[in-house]
C-alpha cells in the first residue's frame, strides 16, 4: 500500500483545511473582540432595598454611578446604608456576569 500524503502538509488537500481553520479562528477572534467591546458599553443596574440604592455598571463590572434615595439615609444607622450599597453592587455584578456569560459563552468563556 502506497502512502498518499494527507494531513496538514500533504498532498491530500490538507493545506486548504489548515487555511480554512486559520480563517475560522480569525473570524472567531474578531467576533470575540466585538462581543468584548459590546460588554464595555452595555450597562446593567444593581438594586437593593426595593430600589433605595441603585448601582449602574458596565457588563465588564466598571461602576459608573451610585444613586441613593434620601429615605435610605439614617444617620443613626449608616451600617444599613453600607449593607444596601454592598447588596446593590453584588446584584449588579451578578447581572453583569449573566450578560457576560451570554455574550461570551459561544467562545467557551474566553476573554473573561
N, C-alpha and C. Protein backbone atom coordinates (compact mmCIF):
# COMPACT_ATOMS: atom_id res chain seq x y z
N UNK A 1 0.85 -1.18 0.00
CA UNK A 1 0.00 0.00 0.00
C UNK A 1 0.89 1.23 0.00
N UNK A 2 0.65 2.14 -0.88
CA UNK A 2 1.48 3.33 -1.03
C UNK A 2 0.93 4.46 -0.15
N UNK A 3 1.84 5.24 0.38
CA UNK A 3 1.47 6.42 1.17
C UNK A 3 1.07 7.54 0.23
N UNK A 4 -0.07 8.12 0.47
CA UNK A 4 -0.58 9.16 -0.43
C UNK A 4 -0.51 10.55 0.17
N UNK A 5 0.13 10.71 1.27
CA UNK A 5 0.20 12.03 1.88
C UNK A 5 -1.03 12.28 2.73
N UNK A 6 -1.45 13.48 2.83
CA UNK A 6 -2.61 13.85 3.64
C UNK A 6 -2.16 14.64 4.85
N UNK A 7 -3.01 14.76 5.80
CA UNK A 7 -2.67 15.56 6.97
C UNK A 7 -2.65 17.03 6.58
N UNK A 8 -2.00 17.87 7.41
CA UNK A 8 -1.99 19.30 7.15
C UNK A 8 -0.95 19.70 6.11
N UNK A 9 0.09 18.90 5.88
CA UNK A 9 1.12 19.33 4.95
C UNK A 9 1.21 18.47 3.71
N UNK A 10 0.37 17.48 3.60
CA UNK A 10 0.49 16.53 2.49
C UNK A 10 -0.23 16.98 1.25
N UNK A 11 -0.33 16.04 0.34
CA UNK A 11 -0.93 16.34 -0.95
C UNK A 11 -2.44 16.16 -0.95
N UNK A 12 -3.01 15.72 0.15
CA UNK A 12 -4.44 15.39 0.17
C UNK A 12 -5.33 16.58 0.43
N UNK A 13 -4.88 17.77 0.17
CA UNK A 13 -5.73 18.94 0.38
C UNK A 13 -5.66 19.46 1.79
N UNK A 14 -4.72 18.97 2.58
CA UNK A 14 -4.60 19.39 3.97
C UNK A 14 -4.27 20.86 4.12
N UNK A 15 -3.55 21.40 3.13
CA UNK A 15 -3.22 22.83 3.19
C UNK A 15 -4.46 23.69 3.18
N UNK A 16 -5.45 23.30 2.39
CA UNK A 16 -6.72 24.04 2.37
C UNK A 16 -7.44 23.92 3.69
N UNK A 17 -7.37 22.74 4.31
CA UNK A 17 -8.00 22.57 5.61
C UNK A 17 -7.37 23.49 6.64
N UNK A 18 -6.05 23.58 6.61
CA UNK A 18 -5.34 24.45 7.55
C UNK A 18 -5.71 25.91 7.29
N UNK A 19 -5.79 26.29 6.03
CA UNK A 19 -6.18 27.65 5.68
C UNK A 19 -7.59 27.95 6.19
N UNK A 20 -8.50 27.01 5.99
CA UNK A 20 -9.87 27.20 6.46
C UNK A 20 -9.92 27.31 7.98
N UNK A 21 -9.13 26.48 8.67
CA UNK A 21 -9.08 26.57 10.13
C UNK A 21 -8.56 27.93 10.58
N UNK A 22 -7.56 28.42 9.90
CA UNK A 22 -6.99 29.73 10.25
C UNK A 22 -8.02 30.85 10.01
N UNK A 23 -8.78 30.75 8.92
CA UNK A 23 -9.82 31.75 8.65
C UNK A 23 -10.91 31.69 9.71
N UNK A 24 -11.30 30.48 10.09
CA UNK A 24 -12.32 30.33 11.13
C UNK A 24 -11.82 30.89 12.46
N UNK A 25 -10.57 30.63 12.79
CA UNK A 25 -10.00 31.14 14.04
C UNK A 25 -9.96 32.66 14.03
N UNK A 26 -9.59 33.24 12.89
CA UNK A 26 -9.54 34.69 12.78
C UNK A 26 -10.95 35.29 12.91
N UNK A 27 -11.91 34.66 12.27
CA UNK A 27 -13.30 35.14 12.35
C UNK A 27 -13.81 35.06 13.79
N UNK A 28 -13.50 33.97 14.46
CA UNK A 28 -13.93 33.81 15.85
C UNK A 28 -13.28 34.87 16.73
N UNK A 29 -12.01 35.16 16.50
CA UNK A 29 -11.32 36.18 17.27
C UNK A 29 -11.96 37.56 17.06
N UNK A 30 -12.31 37.87 15.82
CA UNK A 30 -12.97 39.14 15.52
C UNK A 30 -14.33 39.23 16.21
N UNK A 31 -15.08 38.14 16.18
CA UNK A 31 -16.39 38.11 16.84
C UNK A 31 -16.24 38.27 18.35
N UNK A 32 -15.22 37.64 18.91
CA UNK A 32 -14.98 37.75 20.34
C UNK A 32 -14.61 39.18 20.72
N UNK A 33 -13.81 39.84 19.89
CA UNK A 33 -13.44 41.23 20.16
C UNK A 33 -14.66 42.14 20.09
N UNK A 34 -15.55 41.88 19.13
CA UNK A 34 -16.78 42.66 19.04
C UNK A 34 -17.64 42.46 20.28
N UNK A 35 -17.76 41.21 20.73
CA UNK A 35 -18.56 40.91 21.92
C UNK A 35 -17.96 41.60 23.15
N UNK A 36 -16.64 41.58 23.27
CA UNK A 36 -16.00 42.25 24.41
C UNK A 36 -16.24 43.76 24.36
N UNK A 37 -16.20 44.35 23.19
CA UNK A 37 -16.47 45.78 23.05
C UNK A 37 -17.91 46.09 23.45
N UNK A 38 -18.83 45.21 23.08
CA UNK A 38 -20.23 45.40 23.48
C UNK A 38 -20.36 45.36 25.00
N UNK A 39 -19.63 44.46 25.65
CA UNK A 39 -19.70 44.35 27.11
C UNK A 39 -19.18 45.61 27.79
N UNK A 40 -18.24 46.29 27.17
CA UNK A 40 -17.72 47.53 27.75
C UNK A 40 -18.75 48.65 27.67
N UNK A 41 -19.64 48.59 26.70
CA UNK A 41 -20.65 49.62 26.51
C UNK A 41 -21.98 49.30 27.20
N UNK A 42 -22.30 48.02 27.30
CA UNK A 42 -23.58 47.59 27.84
C UNK A 42 -23.65 47.86 29.34
N UNK A 43 -24.72 48.48 29.79
CA UNK A 43 -24.88 48.79 31.21
C UNK A 43 -25.92 47.89 31.86
N UNK A 44 -25.66 47.56 33.12
CA UNK A 44 -26.61 46.83 33.94
C UNK A 44 -26.82 47.65 35.21
N UNK A 45 -27.94 47.38 35.88
CA UNK A 45 -28.25 48.10 37.11
C UNK A 45 -28.48 47.11 38.23
N UNK A 46 -27.76 47.32 39.30
CA UNK A 46 -27.97 46.54 40.51
C UNK A 46 -28.77 47.37 41.50
N UNK A 47 -29.70 46.73 42.18
CA UNK A 47 -30.53 47.47 43.15
C UNK A 47 -30.58 46.72 44.47
N UNK A 48 -30.93 47.47 45.50
CA UNK A 48 -31.13 46.89 46.83
C UNK A 48 -32.15 47.74 47.58
N UNK A 49 -32.77 47.11 48.56
CA UNK A 49 -33.73 47.83 49.38
C UNK A 49 -34.93 48.32 48.61
N UNK A 50 -35.37 47.51 47.64
CA UNK A 50 -36.53 47.91 46.85
C UNK A 50 -36.26 49.15 46.00
N UNK A 51 -35.01 49.34 45.61
CA UNK A 51 -34.66 50.47 44.77
C UNK A 51 -34.12 51.67 45.53
N UNK A 52 -33.93 51.52 46.85
CA UNK A 52 -33.37 52.63 47.62
C UNK A 52 -31.92 52.93 47.20
N UNK A 53 -31.22 51.89 46.80
CA UNK A 53 -29.85 52.06 46.31
C UNK A 53 -29.77 51.42 44.94
N UNK A 54 -29.23 52.19 43.98
CA UNK A 54 -29.06 51.69 42.61
C UNK A 54 -27.62 51.92 42.19
N UNK A 55 -27.05 50.90 41.58
CA UNK A 55 -25.68 50.97 41.07
C UNK A 55 -25.74 50.67 39.58
N UNK A 56 -25.14 51.53 38.77
CA UNK A 56 -25.06 51.31 37.34
C UNK A 56 -23.62 50.99 36.99
N UNK A 57 -23.45 49.91 36.23
CA UNK A 57 -22.10 49.49 35.84
C UNK A 57 -22.14 48.88 34.45
N UNK A 58 -20.96 48.78 33.85
CA UNK A 58 -20.88 48.10 32.57
C UNK A 58 -20.91 46.59 32.83
N UNK A 59 -21.14 45.84 31.77
CA UNK A 59 -21.12 44.39 31.89
C UNK A 59 -19.71 43.88 32.18
N UNK A 60 -18.71 44.76 32.03
CA UNK A 60 -17.33 44.42 32.40
C UNK A 60 -17.05 44.80 33.86
N UNK A 61 -18.09 45.19 34.60
CA UNK A 61 -18.05 45.48 36.03
C UNK A 61 -17.31 46.76 36.38
N UNK A 62 -17.42 47.75 35.52
CA UNK A 62 -16.90 49.07 35.83
C UNK A 62 -18.08 49.91 36.31
N UNK A 63 -18.04 50.34 37.58
CA UNK A 63 -19.14 51.08 38.18
C UNK A 63 -19.14 52.50 37.63
N UNK A 64 -20.29 52.91 37.08
CA UNK A 64 -20.44 54.25 36.52
C UNK A 64 -21.14 55.21 37.46
N UNK A 65 -22.08 54.69 38.25
CA UNK A 65 -22.79 55.59 39.16
C UNK A 65 -23.43 54.81 40.30
N UNK A 66 -23.66 55.55 41.38
CA UNK A 66 -24.39 55.04 42.54
C UNK A 66 -25.45 56.08 42.88
N UNK A 67 -26.70 55.65 42.99
CA UNK A 67 -27.79 56.56 43.36
C UNK A 67 -28.41 56.06 44.67
N UNK A 68 -28.51 56.97 45.62
CA UNK A 68 -29.05 56.62 46.93
C UNK A 68 -30.28 57.49 47.21
N UNK A 69 -31.40 56.85 47.41
CA UNK A 69 -32.63 57.54 47.78
C UNK A 69 -32.42 58.14 49.18
N UNK A 70 -32.80 59.39 49.39
CA UNK A 70 -32.63 60.00 50.71
C UNK A 70 -33.31 59.21 51.84
N UNK A 71 -34.35 58.45 51.51
CA UNK A 71 -35.01 57.64 52.53
C UNK A 71 -34.13 56.51 53.04
N UNK A 72 -33.06 56.20 52.32
CA UNK A 72 -32.15 55.14 52.74
C UNK A 72 -31.12 55.65 53.75
N UNK A 73 -31.07 56.97 53.93
CA UNK A 73 -30.05 57.55 54.80
C UNK A 73 -30.62 57.78 56.19
N UNK A 74 -30.12 57.01 57.12
CA UNK A 74 -30.45 57.18 58.54
C UNK A 74 -29.11 57.37 59.25
N UNK A 75 -28.83 58.60 59.65
CA UNK A 75 -27.53 58.91 60.25
C UNK A 75 -27.26 58.08 61.50
N UNK A 76 -28.30 57.54 62.12
CA UNK A 76 -28.10 56.70 63.30
C UNK A 76 -27.85 55.24 62.93
N UNK A 77 -28.02 54.90 61.66
CA UNK A 77 -27.82 53.52 61.22
C UNK A 77 -27.16 53.49 59.84
N UNK A 78 -25.94 54.00 59.77
CA UNK A 78 -25.21 54.00 58.50
C UNK A 78 -24.83 52.60 58.05
N UNK A 79 -24.78 51.67 58.98
CA UNK A 79 -24.46 50.29 58.63
C UNK A 79 -25.49 49.73 57.65
N UNK A 80 -26.75 50.08 57.84
CA UNK A 80 -27.79 49.61 56.92
C UNK A 80 -27.53 50.14 55.51
N UNK A 81 -27.16 51.42 55.39
CA UNK A 81 -26.88 52.01 54.09
C UNK A 81 -25.68 51.33 53.45
N UNK A 82 -24.66 51.08 54.23
CA UNK A 82 -23.47 50.38 53.71
C UNK A 82 -23.85 49.00 53.19
N UNK A 83 -24.70 48.30 53.95
CA UNK A 83 -25.14 46.97 53.52
C UNK A 83 -25.95 47.05 52.23
N UNK A 84 -26.78 48.08 52.09
CA UNK A 84 -27.56 48.25 50.86
C UNK A 84 -26.64 48.51 49.66
N UNK A 85 -25.60 49.29 49.87
CA UNK A 85 -24.66 49.57 48.78
C UNK A 85 -23.96 48.28 48.36
N UNK A 86 -23.51 47.50 49.32
CA UNK A 86 -22.85 46.23 49.01
C UNK A 86 -23.82 45.30 48.28
N UNK A 87 -25.06 45.25 48.75
CA UNK A 87 -26.06 44.38 48.12
C UNK A 87 -26.34 44.82 46.69
N UNK A 88 -26.42 46.13 46.46
CA UNK A 88 -26.67 46.64 45.10
C UNK A 88 -25.49 46.32 44.18
N UNK A 89 -24.27 46.47 44.70
CA UNK A 89 -23.09 46.12 43.91
C UNK A 89 -23.10 44.64 43.55
N UNK A 90 -23.38 43.80 44.53
CA UNK A 90 -23.41 42.36 44.27
C UNK A 90 -24.51 41.99 43.28
N UNK A 91 -25.65 42.66 43.36
CA UNK A 91 -26.72 42.42 42.41
C UNK A 91 -26.27 42.82 41.00
N UNK A 92 -25.61 43.95 40.89
CA UNK A 92 -25.09 44.39 39.60
C UNK A 92 -24.04 43.44 39.05
N UNK A 93 -23.14 42.99 39.92
CA UNK A 93 -22.11 42.04 39.49
C UNK A 93 -22.74 40.75 38.98
N UNK A 94 -23.77 40.29 39.66
CA UNK A 94 -24.46 39.08 39.21
C UNK A 94 -25.09 39.25 37.84
N UNK A 95 -25.70 40.41 37.62
CA UNK A 95 -26.31 40.70 36.31
C UNK A 95 -25.23 40.84 35.24
N UNK A 96 -24.11 41.47 35.60
CA UNK A 96 -23.01 41.62 34.65
C UNK A 96 -22.46 40.25 34.27
N UNK A 97 -22.31 39.36 35.26
CA UNK A 97 -21.83 38.01 34.98
C UNK A 97 -22.77 37.29 34.01
N UNK A 98 -24.07 37.44 34.24
CA UNK A 98 -25.04 36.76 33.39
C UNK A 98 -24.93 37.26 31.94
N UNK A 99 -24.87 38.58 31.77
CA UNK A 99 -24.75 39.15 30.42
C UNK A 99 -23.44 38.71 29.78
N UNK A 100 -22.38 38.74 30.56
CA UNK A 100 -21.06 38.34 30.04
C UNK A 100 -21.06 36.88 29.61
N UNK A 101 -21.64 36.03 30.42
CA UNK A 101 -21.72 34.60 30.07
C UNK A 101 -22.56 34.38 28.82
N UNK A 102 -23.63 35.14 28.67
CA UNK A 102 -24.46 35.02 27.47
C UNK A 102 -23.69 35.45 26.22
N UNK A 103 -22.94 36.55 26.33
CA UNK A 103 -22.20 37.06 25.17
C UNK A 103 -20.97 36.21 24.86
N UNK A 104 -20.28 35.78 25.89
CA UNK A 104 -19.00 35.10 25.69
C UNK A 104 -19.12 33.58 25.71
N UNK A 105 -20.28 33.06 26.05
CA UNK A 105 -20.45 31.60 26.12
C UNK A 105 -20.15 30.91 24.82
N UNK A 106 -20.43 31.57 23.71
CA UNK A 106 -20.16 30.97 22.39
C UNK A 106 -18.67 30.78 22.15
N UNK A 107 -17.85 31.47 22.96
CA UNK A 107 -16.41 31.38 22.79
C UNK A 107 -15.78 30.53 23.88
N UNK A 108 -16.59 29.77 24.57
CA UNK A 108 -16.07 28.90 25.63
C UNK A 108 -15.62 29.67 26.85
N UNK A 109 -16.15 30.87 27.02
CA UNK A 109 -15.79 31.68 28.19
C UNK A 109 -14.46 32.40 28.02
N UNK A 110 -13.88 32.37 26.83
CA UNK A 110 -12.59 33.02 26.60
C UNK A 110 -12.72 34.52 26.78
N UNK A 111 -11.69 35.10 27.33
CA UNK A 111 -11.64 36.55 27.45
C UNK A 111 -12.35 37.10 28.64
N UNK A 112 -12.77 36.27 29.57
CA UNK A 112 -13.46 36.77 30.74
C UNK A 112 -12.49 37.20 31.80
